[in-house]
C-alpha atoms as a PDB file:
ATOM      1  CA  MET A   1     110.993 106.912  41.732  1.00  0.00           C
ATOM      2  CA  ASP A   2     108.072 109.352  40.704  1.00  0.00           C
ATOM      3  CA  TRP A   3     107.448 111.634  43.843  1.00  0.00           C
ATOM      4  CA  ASN A   4     103.858 113.924  43.961  1.00  0.00           C
ATOM      5  CA  THR A   5     104.947 115.958  47.083  1.00  0.00           C
ATOM      6  CA  LEU A   6     108.751 115.870  47.264  1.00  0.00           C
ATOM      7  CA  LEU A   7     111.723 116.668  44.749  1.00  0.00           C
ATOM      8  CA  VAL A   8     114.677 114.495  45.373  1.00  0.00           C
ATOM      9  CA  GLU A   9     117.985 115.684  43.751  1.00  0.00           C
ATOM     10  CA  ASP A  10     121.325 114.385  43.475  1.00  0.00           C
ATOM     11  CA  SER A  11     123.776 117.406  44.489  1.00  0.00           C
ATOM     12  CA  GLY A  12     126.782 115.696  43.685  1.00  0.00           C
ATOM     13  CA  ALA A  13     129.686 114.480  46.383  1.00  0.00           C
ATOM     14  CA  GLY A  14     127.034 111.896  47.839  1.00  0.00           C
ATOM     15  CA  ILE A  15     124.961 114.786  48.640  1.00  0.00           C
ATOM     16  CA  PHE A  16     121.348 114.945  48.618  1.00  0.00           C
ATOM     17  CA  THR A  17     118.439 117.233  48.443  1.00  0.00           C
ATOM     18  CA  LEU A  18     114.949 116.703  49.618  1.00  0.00           C
ATOM     19  CA  THR A  19     112.483 119.287  49.065  1.00  0.00           C
ATOM     20  CA  LEU A  20     108.903 119.633  50.373  1.00  0.00           C
ATOM     21  CA  GLN A  21     106.806 120.095  47.431  1.00  0.00           C
ATOM     22  CA  ARG A  22     102.871 121.409  48.671  1.00  0.00           C
ATOM     23  CA  PRO A  23     103.760 125.013  48.758  1.00  0.00           C
ATOM     24  CA  GLU A  24     100.503 126.142  48.340  1.00  0.00           C
ATOM     25  CA  GLN A  25      99.571 124.231  51.738  1.00  0.00           C
ATOM     26  CA  HIS A  26     102.714 125.559  53.485  1.00  0.00           C
ATOM     27  CA  ASN A  27     104.224 122.142  52.755  1.00  0.00           C
ATOM     28  CA  ALA A  28     102.056 120.840  55.516  1.00  0.00           C
ATOM     29  CA  MET A  29     102.408 116.717  55.688  1.00  0.00           C
ATOM     30  CA  ASN A  30      99.327 114.846  54.473  1.00  0.00           C
ATOM     31  CA  LEU A  31      99.538 110.830  54.542  1.00  0.00           C
ATOM     32  CA  GLU A  32     101.148 110.753  51.165  1.00  0.00           C
ATOM     33  CA  MET A  33     103.585 113.015  51.673  1.00  0.00           C
ATOM     34  CA  ILE A  34     104.491 111.297  55.060  1.00  0.00           C
ATOM     35  CA  ARG A  35     104.642 108.046  53.109  1.00  0.00           C
ATOM     36  CA  GLU A  36     106.989 109.788  50.519  1.00  0.00           C
ATOM     37  CA  LEU A  37     109.217 110.828  53.031  1.00  0.00           C
ATOM     38  CA  ARG A  38     109.661 107.467  54.572  1.00  0.00           C
ATOM     39  CA  ASN A  39     110.264 106.082  51.319  1.00  0.00           C
ATOM     40  CA  ALA A  40     112.479 108.643  50.429  1.00  0.00           C
ATOM     41  CA  PHE A  41     114.164 108.132  53.364  1.00  0.00           C
ATOM     42  CA  ASP A  42     114.874 104.606  52.683  1.00  0.00           C
ATOM     43  CA  GLU A  43     115.745 105.052  49.126  1.00  0.00           C
ATOM     44  CA  LEU A  44     118.686 107.153  50.194  1.00  0.00           C
ATOM     45  CA  SER A  45     119.722 105.071  53.047  1.00  0.00           C
ATOM     46  CA  SER A  46     120.526 102.043  50.392  1.00  0.00           C
ATOM     47  CA  LYS A  47     122.755 104.558  48.021  1.00  0.00           C
ATOM     48  CA  ALA A  48     126.468 103.512  48.173  1.00  0.00           C
ATOM     49  CA  SER A  49     127.642 106.886  48.027  1.00  0.00           C
ATOM     50  CA  LEU A  50     125.414 108.857  50.758  1.00  0.00           C
ATOM     51  CA  ARG A  51     127.460 111.548  52.968  1.00  0.00           C
ATOM     52  CA  GLY A  52     124.378 114.028  53.846  1.00  0.00           C
ATOM     53  CA  LEU A  53     120.938 114.995  53.084  1.00  0.00           C
ATOM     54  CA  VAL A  54     119.712 118.210  53.122  1.00  0.00           C
ATOM     55  CA  LEU A  55     115.779 118.562  54.015  1.00  0.00           C
ATOM     56  CA  SER A  56     114.479 121.800  52.317  1.00  0.00           C
ATOM     57  CA  GLY A  57     111.145 123.832  52.210  1.00  0.00           C
ATOM     58  CA  GLY A  58     111.752 125.195  48.968  1.00  0.00           C
ATOM     59  CA  ASN A  59     112.066 129.057  48.461  1.00  0.00           C
ATOM     60  CA  GLY A  60     108.768 129.793  49.846  1.00  0.00           C
ATOM     61  CA  PRO A  61     107.381 131.419  53.006  1.00  0.00           C
ATOM     62  CA  SER A  62     107.092 128.183  54.937  1.00  0.00           C
ATOM     63  CA  PHE A  63     109.381 125.162  55.726  1.00  0.00           C
ATOM     64  CA  CYS A  64     106.750 123.268  56.988  1.00  0.00           C
ATOM     65  CA  ALA A  65     103.166 124.126  58.902  1.00  0.00           C
ATOM     66  CA  GLY A  66     103.087 120.789  60.231  1.00  0.00           C
ATOM     67  CA  GLY A  67     100.158 118.228  59.656  1.00  0.00           C
ATOM     68  CA  ASP A  68      97.483 118.765  57.097  1.00  0.00           C
ATOM     69  CA  LEU A  69      94.487 119.645  59.106  1.00  0.00           C
ATOM     70  CA  ARG A  70      92.094 118.259  56.427  1.00  0.00           C
ATOM     71  CA  TRP A  71      93.793 115.127  56.681  1.00  0.00           C
ATOM     72  CA  MET A  72      93.930 114.869  60.234  1.00  0.00           C
ATOM     73  CA  GLN A  73      90.266 115.888  60.451  1.00  0.00           C
ATOM     74  CA  GLY A  74      89.412 112.827  57.663  1.00  0.00           C
ATOM     75  CA  SER A  75      91.376 110.702  59.947  1.00  0.00           C
ATOM     76  CA  ALA A  76      89.633 111.755  63.220  1.00  0.00           C
ATOM     77  CA  GLN A  77      86.407 109.916  61.329  1.00  0.00           C
ATOM     78  CA  GLN A  78      88.218 106.795  60.861  1.00  0.00           C
ATOM     79  CA  PRO A  79      87.991 103.584  63.429  1.00  0.00           C
ATOM     80  CA  ALA A  80      90.816 104.075  65.938  1.00  0.00           C
ATOM     81  CA  GLU A  81      92.313 101.237  64.643  1.00  0.00           C
ATOM     82  CA  GLN A  82      93.042 103.411  61.180  1.00  0.00           C
ATOM     83  CA  ARG A  83      93.878 106.236  63.467  1.00  0.00           C
ATOM     84  CA  ARG A  84      96.548 104.503  65.250  1.00  0.00           C
ATOM     85  CA  ALA A  85      98.177 102.755  61.940  1.00  0.00           C
ATOM     86  CA  GLU A  86      98.254 106.351  60.584  1.00  0.00           C
ATOM     87  CA  ALA A  87      99.952 108.098  63.812  1.00  0.00           C
ATOM     88  CA  ARG A  88     102.165 104.840  63.416  1.00  0.00           C
ATOM     89  CA  GLU A  89     103.314 105.926  59.721  1.00  0.00           C
ATOM     90  CA  LEU A  90     103.972 109.322  61.086  1.00  0.00           C
ATOM     91  CA  ALA A  91     106.063 108.238  64.285  1.00  0.00           C
ATOM     92  CA  GLU A  92     108.374 105.706  61.582  1.00  0.00           C
ATOM     93  CA  MET A  93     108.508 108.559  59.128  1.00  0.00           C
ATOM     94  CA  LEU A  94     110.145 110.447  62.071  1.00  0.00           C
ATOM     95  CA  ALA A  95     112.250 107.597  63.539  1.00  0.00           C
ATOM     96  CA  ALA A  96     113.535 107.085  59.760  1.00  0.00           C
ATOM     97  CA  LEU A  97     114.746 110.635  59.575  1.00  0.00           C
ATOM     98  CA  ASN A  98     116.188 110.725  63.111  1.00  0.00           C
ATOM     99  CA  ASP A  99     118.183 107.791  62.449  1.00  0.00           C
ATOM    100  CA  PHE A 100     119.264 108.364  58.563  1.00  0.00           C
ATOM    101  CA  PRO A 101     122.409 106.664  58.529  1.00  0.00           C
ATOM    102  CA  ALA A 102     124.301 110.023  57.068  1.00  0.00           C
ATOM    103  CA  LEU A 103     124.441 113.547  58.634  1.00  0.00           C
ATOM    104  CA  THR A 104     121.187 115.187  57.838  1.00  0.00           C
ATOM    105  CA  LEU A 105     120.724 119.105  57.653  1.00  0.00           C
ATOM    106  CA  ALA A 106     117.256 121.245  57.834  1.00  0.00           C
ATOM    107  CA  ARG A 107     117.363 124.020  55.345  1.00  0.00           C
ATOM    108  CA  ILE A 108     114.787 126.265  56.763  1.00  0.00           C
ATOM    109  CA  ASN A 109     113.777 128.774  54.439  1.00  0.00           C
ATOM    110  CA  GLY A 110     110.356 129.611  56.520  1.00  0.00           C
ATOM    111  CA  ALA A 111     107.795 129.005  59.145  1.00  0.00           C
ATOM    112  CA  ALA A 112     107.823 125.762  60.932  1.00  0.00           C
ATOM    113  CA  TYR A 113     104.929 124.669  62.904  1.00  0.00           C
ATOM    114  CA  GLY A 114     103.961 121.574  64.882  1.00  0.00           C
ATOM    115  CA  GLY A 115     105.351 118.523  62.806  1.00  0.00           C
ATOM    116  CA  GLY A 116     107.357 121.136  60.761  1.00  0.00           C
ATOM    117  CA  LEU A 117     109.242 121.771  64.154  1.00  0.00           C
ATOM    118  CA  GLY A 118     109.477 117.987  64.390  1.00  0.00           C
ATOM    119  CA  LEU A 119     111.158 117.265  61.163  1.00  0.00           C
ATOM    120  CA  ILE A 120     113.585 120.144  62.524  1.00  0.00           C
ATOM    121  CA  ALA A 121     114.279 118.282  65.813  1.00  0.00           C
ATOM    122  CA  CYS A 122     114.768 114.794  63.945  1.00  0.00           C
ATOM    123  CA  CYS A 123     117.753 116.484  61.949  1.00  0.00           C
ATOM    124  CA  ASP A 124     121.244 116.744  63.116  1.00  0.00           C
ATOM    125  CA  LEU A 125     122.240 120.390  62.416  1.00  0.00           C
ATOM    126  CA  ALA A 126     119.460 123.070  61.077  1.00  0.00           C
ATOM    127  CA  VAL A 127     120.211 126.440  59.482  1.00  0.00           C
ATOM    128  CA  ALA A 128     116.984 129.097  59.385  1.00  0.00           C
ATOM    129  CA  VAL A 129     116.773 132.229  57.724  1.00  0.00           C
ATOM    130  CA  GLU A 130     116.225 135.143  60.306  1.00  0.00           C
ATOM    131  CA  THR A 131     112.515 135.878  59.790  1.00  0.00           C
ATOM    132  CA  ALA A 132     111.766 132.233  60.090  1.00  0.00           C
ATOM    133  CA  GLN A 133     109.143 131.927  62.884  1.00  0.00           C
ATOM    134  CA  PHE A 134     108.355 128.761  65.146  1.00  0.00           C
ATOM    135  CA  ALA A 135     105.597 127.247  67.403  1.00  0.00           C
ATOM    136  CA  LEU A 136     104.044 123.703  68.944  1.00  0.00           C
ATOM    137  CA  THR A 137     100.517 124.986  67.952  1.00  0.00           C
ATOM    138  CA  GLU A 138      99.059 121.814  68.776  1.00  0.00           C
ATOM    139  CA  VAL A 139      97.270 122.069  72.396  1.00  0.00           C
ATOM    140  CA  ARG A 140      95.630 125.584  70.387  1.00  0.00           C
ATOM    141  CA  LEU A 141      93.718 123.232  68.704  1.00  0.00           C
ATOM    142  CA  GLY A 142      92.870 120.636  71.115  1.00  0.00           C
ATOM    143  CA  LEU A 143      95.538 118.434  70.078  1.00  0.00           C
ATOM    144  CA  ILE A 144      98.954 117.029  71.653  1.00  0.00           C
ATOM    145  CA  PRO A 145     102.429 116.896  70.300  1.00  0.00           C
ATOM    146  CA  ALA A 146     102.563 113.479  70.729  1.00  0.00           C
ATOM    147  CA  THR A 147     104.755 111.429  67.549  1.00  0.00           C
ATOM    148  CA  ILE A 148     107.016 114.347  67.406  1.00  0.00           C
ATOM    149  CA  SER A 149     107.812 114.599  71.582  1.00  0.00           C
ATOM    150  CA  PRO A 150     110.295 112.148  71.739  1.00  0.00           C
ATOM    151  CA  PHE A 151     112.479 114.240  69.125  1.00  0.00           C
ATOM    152  CA  VAL A 152     111.326 117.768  70.283  1.00  0.00           C
ATOM    153  CA  VAL A 153     111.862 117.162  73.866  1.00  0.00           C
ATOM    154  CA  GLY A 154     115.418 114.818  73.023  1.00  0.00           C
ATOM    155  CA  LYS A 155     116.631 118.140  71.269  1.00  0.00           C
ATOM    156  CA  LEU A 156     115.581 121.174  73.694  1.00  0.00           C
ATOM    157  CA  GLY A 157     115.274 119.221  76.725  1.00  0.00           C
ATOM    158  CA  GLY A 158     112.022 118.800  79.183  1.00  0.00           C
ATOM    159  CA  ALA A 159     112.410 122.411  80.566  1.00  0.00           C
ATOM    160  CA  ASN A 160     112.166 124.077  77.471  1.00  0.00           C
ATOM    161  CA  SER A 161     109.945 121.400  75.964  1.00  0.00           C
ATOM    162  CA  ARG A 162     107.381 122.833  78.743  1.00  0.00           C
ATOM    163  CA  ARG A 163     108.364 126.185  77.601  1.00  0.00           C
ATOM    164  CA  VAL A 164     106.992 126.267  74.183  1.00  0.00           C
ATOM    165  CA  MET A 165     104.460 123.163  74.021  1.00  0.00           C
ATOM    166  CA  LEU A 166     101.947 123.646  76.920  1.00  0.00           C
ATOM    167  CA  HIS A 167     100.981 127.056  75.628  1.00  0.00           C
ATOM    168  CA  ALA A 168     102.111 127.299  71.676  1.00  0.00           C
ATOM    169  CA  LYS A 169     104.366 130.159  72.159  1.00  0.00           C
ATOM    170  CA  ARG A 170     105.431 131.570  69.081  1.00  0.00           C
ATOM    171  CA  PHE A 171     109.096 132.323  68.777  1.00  0.00           C
ATOM    172  CA  ASN A 172     112.054 133.519  66.451  1.00  0.00           C
ATOM    173  CA  ALA A 173     115.102 132.406  65.109  1.00  0.00           C
ATOM    174  CA  TYR A 174     117.226 133.794  67.606  1.00  0.00           C
ATOM    175  CA  GLU A 175     115.006 131.964  70.407  1.00  0.00           C
ATOM    176  CA  ALA A 176     115.065 128.783  68.308  1.00  0.00           C
ATOM    177  CA  GLN A 177     119.046 128.824  68.504  1.00  0.00           C
ATOM    178  CA  ALA A 178     118.975 129.631  72.465  1.00  0.00           C
ATOM    179  CA  LEU A 179     116.423 126.524  72.579  1.00  0.00           C
ATOM    180  CA  GLY A 180     119.129 124.119  70.965  1.00  0.00           C
ATOM    181  CA  LEU A 181     116.702 123.675  67.990  1.00  0.00           C
ATOM    182  CA  ILE A 182     118.945 125.292  65.281  1.00  0.00           C
ATOM    183  CA  SER A 183     122.274 125.846  64.800  1.00  0.00           C
ATOM    184  CA  ASP A 184     123.052 128.910  62.731  1.00  0.00           C
ATOM    185  CA  ILE A 185     120.903 131.613  61.458  1.00  0.00           C
ATOM    186  CA  ALA A 186     121.296 133.335  57.840  1.00  0.00           C
ATOM    187  CA  ALA A 187     120.107 137.083  56.628  1.00  0.00           C
ATOM    188  CA  ASP A 188     118.077 135.765  53.744  1.00  0.00           C
ATOM    189  CA  LEU A 189     118.088 132.927  51.215  1.00  0.00           C
ATOM    190  CA  GLU A 190     121.093 133.530  49.583  1.00  0.00           C
ATOM    191  CA  ALA A 191     123.100 133.279  52.880  1.00  0.00           C
ATOM    192  CA  LEU A 192     121.101 130.120  53.633  1.00  0.00           C
ATOM    193  CA  ASP A 193     122.209 128.665  50.910  1.00  0.00           C
ATOM    194  CA  GLN A 194     126.004 130.006  51.581  1.00  0.00           C
ATOM    195  CA  ALA A 195     125.644 128.809  55.426  1.00  0.00           C
ATOM    196  CA  ILE A 196     124.388 125.513  54.209  1.00  0.00           C
ATOM    197  CA  SER A 197     127.476 124.773  51.675  1.00  0.00           C
ATOM    198  CA  ARG A 198     129.857 125.556  54.408  1.00  0.00           C
ATOM    199  CA  GLU A 199     128.055 122.897  56.607  1.00  0.00           C
ATOM    200  CA  LEU A 200     128.544 120.363  53.566  1.00  0.00           C
ATOM    201  CA  LYS A 201     132.028 121.617  52.299  1.00  0.00           C
ATOM    202  CA  LEU A 202     133.361 120.538  56.294  1.00  0.00           C
ATOM    203  CA  LEU A 203     131.207 117.129  55.820  1.00  0.00           C
ATOM    204  CA  VAL A 204     133.214 116.251  52.538  1.00  0.00           C
ATOM    205  CA  LYS A 205     136.379 116.786  54.627  1.00  0.00           C
ATOM    206  CA  CYS A 206     135.335 113.681  56.839  1.00  0.00           C
ATOM    207  CA  ALA A 207     135.295 109.872  56.046  1.00  0.00           C
ATOM    208  CA  PRO A 208     131.726 108.740  55.802  1.00  0.00           C
ATOM    209  CA  GLU A 209     132.144 105.673  57.365  1.00  0.00           C
ATOM    210  CA  ALA A 210     133.526 107.294  60.350  1.00  0.00           C
ATOM    211  CA  VAL A 211     130.573 109.814  60.455  1.00  0.00           C
ATOM    212  CA  ARG A 212     128.175 107.077  60.102  1.00  0.00           C
ATOM    213  CA  THR A 213     129.444 104.817  62.872  1.00  0.00           C
ATOM    214  CA  THR A 214     129.853 108.103  65.058  1.00  0.00           C
ATOM    215  CA  LYS A 215     125.891 108.736  64.265  1.00  0.00           C
ATOM    216  CA  GLN A 216     124.999 105.333  65.678  1.00  0.00           C
ATOM    217  CA  LEU A 217     127.315 105.717  68.705  1.00  0.00           C
ATOM    218  CA  ILE A 218     125.448 109.167  69.384  1.00  0.00           C
ATOM    219  CA  CYS A 219     121.982 107.531  69.198  1.00  0.00           C
ATOM    220  CA  THR A 220     123.060 104.599  70.972  1.00  0.00           C
ATOM    221  CA  VAL A 221     124.727 106.293  74.077  1.00  0.00           C
ATOM    222  CA  GLU A 222     122.234 109.743  74.367  1.00  0.00           C
ATOM    223  CA  ASN A 223     120.953 109.626  77.693  1.00  0.00           C
ATOM    224  CA  GLN A 224     122.674 106.780  78.983  1.00  0.00           C
ATOM    225  CA  ALA A 225     124.402 106.227  82.037  1.00  0.00           C
ATOM    226  CA  PRO A 226     128.409 105.873  81.476  1.00  0.00           C
ATOM    227  CA  GLU A 227     128.593 102.417  82.899  1.00  0.00           C
ATOM    228  CA  THR A 228     125.645 101.107  80.797  1.00  0.00           C
ATOM    229  CA  VAL A 229     127.345 101.935  77.628  1.00  0.00           C
ATOM    230  CA  ARG A 230     130.911 101.311  78.633  1.00  0.00           C
ATOM    231  CA  GLU A 231     131.453  98.330  77.162  1.00  0.00           C
ATOM    232  CA  TYR A 232     129.814  99.227  73.564  1.00  0.00           C
ATOM    233  CA  THR A 233     131.896 102.076  73.331  1.00  0.00           C
ATOM    234  CA  VAL A 234     134.873  99.872  74.348  1.00  0.00           C
ATOM    235  CA  LYS A 235     134.041  97.915  71.610  1.00  0.00           C
ATOM    236  CA  CYS A 236     133.420 100.736  69.377  1.00  0.00           C
ATOM    237  CA  LEU A 237     136.663 102.306  69.245  1.00  0.00           C
ATOM    238  CA  SER A 238     138.337  98.861  69.243  1.00  0.00           C
ATOM    239  CA  GLU A 239     136.957  97.810  65.746  1.00  0.00           C
ATOM    240  CA  THR A 240     137.337 101.728  64.425  1.00  0.00           C
ATOM    241  CA  TRP A 241     141.083 100.505  64.099  1.00  0.00           C
ATOM    242  CA  GLU A 242     140.262  97.596  62.073  1.00  0.00           C
ATOM    243  CA  THR A 243     138.240 100.053  59.464  1.00  0.00           C
ATOM    244  CA  ASP A 244     139.797 101.359  56.143  1.00  0.00           C
ATOM    245  CA  SER A 245     138.692 104.688  56.930  1.00  0.00           C
ATOM    246  CA  THR A 246     140.652 104.869  60.053  1.00  0.00           C
ATOM    247  CA  ARG A 247     143.571 103.375  58.484  1.00  0.00           C
ATOM    248  CA  GLU A 248     143.515 105.722  55.593  1.00  0.00           C
ATOM    249  CA  GLY A 249     142.835 109.020  57.513  1.00  0.00           C
ATOM    250  CA  VAL A 250     145.685 108.081  60.195  1.00  0.00           C
ATOM    251  CA  SER A 251     148.275 107.347  57.223  1.00  0.00           C
ATOM    252  CA  ALA A 252     147.259 110.527  54.854  1.00  0.00           C
ATOM    253  CA  PHE A 253     148.000 112.405  58.260  1.00  0.00           C
ATOM    254  CA  PHE A 254     151.331 111.169  58.760  1.00  0.00           C
ATOM    255  CA  GLU A 255     152.100 111.685  54.718  1.00  0.00           C
ATOM    256  CA  LYS A 256     150.906 115.009  55.082  1.00  0.00           C
ATOM    257  CA  ARG A 257     148.165 114.584  52.081  1.00  0.00           C
ATOM    258  CA  PRO A 258     144.500 115.002  52.031  1.00  0.00           C
ATOM    259  CA  PRO A 259     142.622 111.403  52.680  1.00  0.00           C
ATOM    260  CA  GLU A 260     140.996 109.646  49.425  1.00  0.00           C
ATOM    261  CA  TRP A 261     137.390 110.518  50.537  1.00  0.00           C
ATOM    262  CA  ALA A 262     138.258 114.696  50.858  1.00  0.00           C
ATOM    263  CA  THR A 263     136.510 116.582  48.340  1.00  0.00           C
END
């Protein structure tokens, strides 16, 4: 598929890199980018070789500046039904990233505001350059961070979300790490790519089927009382012993050899 706002690359070993490509607009998301992101997530999800996805803002000053204000201004002139339809497309794109059936890793090359921070919150891991700045700026514009809120609150927790949402506090990479938004910090772009590489080297030693099922497990049990999901977890564990991945992984351990999926 041809993309106008994205670059999708096969990085090998089942890893795909998706780069936002609206640098002159600081990778702000318009409706075309939102639709292309959703289509890319769906297309990559169907690949049998899939093991991981890196979401990158490229090498410019911004990872993603959030929603494109020109698109949002135009949307404001639309009938309410059309506004709801476009908001639903954004919400469904974020959900597709959050539920993506492989490990997702945000490569944060620069500033992330509003919806850009929402993209990060939907990823499993995130590494940022030391100079990156973050903010949920919606309230400054009279807007609210509505469609990203389930993912941001899920990542940061309620107290920290109040801290950064209610007065649009700008914060740096170290604060973002303390809040739980990002997992690692790199000194510059070269170090950023090295950090991403380290994470991927860990990933490709793991069974793809087990990673995928574990991610589904996390999404299901998150924020649930243990007794609510007890039978589900029992079922998952008992069924896991029937999988090829478990048989191969345990056999490889006792035979003191790498499992067949390790690269």
